[in-house]
Protein backbone atom coordinates (compact mmCIF):
# COMPACT_ATOMS: atom_id res chain seq x y z
CA MET A 1 -17.46 1.45 -6.96
CA SER A 2 -17.54 2.03 -10.73
CA GLU A 3 -14.89 0.07 -12.75
CA LEU A 4 -14.78 3.66 -14.45
CA THR A 5 -13.79 5.21 -10.96
CA GLN A 6 -10.03 4.16 -10.56
CA VAL A 7 -8.99 3.20 -6.95
CA VAL A 8 -7.21 5.96 -5.55
CA SER A 9 -3.17 5.64 -4.61
CA PRO A 10 -2.80 4.91 -0.77
CA CYS A 11 0.55 7.36 -1.09
CA VAL A 12 0.50 10.15 1.78
CA SER A 13 3.70 11.72 0.66
CA ASN A 14 5.95 10.44 3.53
CA CYS A 15 7.97 8.09 1.29
CA CYS A 16 10.60 6.30 3.09
CA LEU A 17 11.36 2.76 2.42
CA ASP A 18 12.42 0.55 5.52
CA ASP A 19 14.96 -2.18 5.12
CA LYS A 20 12.55 -4.76 3.77
CA ASP A 21 11.61 -2.13 1.01
CA MET A 22 8.15 -1.08 2.67
CA CYS A 23 7.07 2.51 2.40
CA VAL A 24 6.69 3.63 6.22
CA GLY A 25 4.14 5.92 4.78
CA CYS A 26 1.73 3.93 2.88
CA PHE A 27 2.86 0.42 3.92
CA ARG A 28 3.27 -0.64 0.11
CA MET A 29 6.11 -2.94 -1.15
CA MET A 30 8.74 -1.37 -3.49
CA ASP A 31 6.95 -3.80 -6.17
CA GLU A 32 3.59 -2.60 -5.52
CA ILE A 33 4.52 1.03 -5.61
CA LEU A 34 6.25 0.39 -8.93
CA VAL A 35 3.23 -1.75 -10.50
CA TRP A 36 0.41 0.72 -9.08
CA ALA A 37 0.05 3.08 -12.16
CA GLU A 38 -0.06 -0.19 -14.61
CA SER A 39 -2.64 -2.23 -12.12
CA ASP A 40 -6.31 -2.35 -12.81
CA ASN A 41 -8.76 -1.92 -9.98
CA GLN A 42 -8.80 -5.31 -9.00
CA GLN A 43 -5.04 -5.67 -8.56
CA ARG A 44 -5.26 -2.21 -6.55
CA LYS A 45 -7.70 -3.48 -4.18
CA LEU A 46 -5.43 -6.65 -3.43
CA ILE A 47 -2.50 -4.41 -2.99
CA LEU A 48 -4.42 -2.19 -0.40
CA ALA A 49 -5.38 -5.09 1.29
CA SER A 50 -2.02 -6.30 1.63
CA CYS A 51 -0.98 -2.62 3.09
CA GLU A 52 -3.75 -2.83 5.57
CA LYS A 53 -2.39 -6.23 6.67
CA ARG A 54 0.97 -4.91 7.04
CA ARG A 55 -0.44 -1.63 8.49
CA ALA A 56 -2.06 -3.60 11.47
CA GLU A 57 0.91 -5.77 11.95
CA HIS A 58 2.85 -2.61 12.10
CA LYS A 59 0.57 -1.16 14.58
CA ASN A 60 0.65 -4.33 17.03
CA TYR A 61 4.11 -4.30 16.67
CA PHE A 62 4.61 -1.11 18.30
CA SER A 63 1.58 -1.26 21.01
CA PRO A 64 2.42 -1.69 24.56
């Protein structure tokens, strides 16, 4: 990916924060949402990696 191409937001327009300030739609924490617009691609990729980890943990928590 070219540095000229911005990493796209993971927002799925299902914005609702849980009791730990995590969006249940995209799995970003409130602080990650707030800094997204000012973040460079490297920072965004780190945020996305954290989201994926939380998404996997959430899936494992609710799996039988």
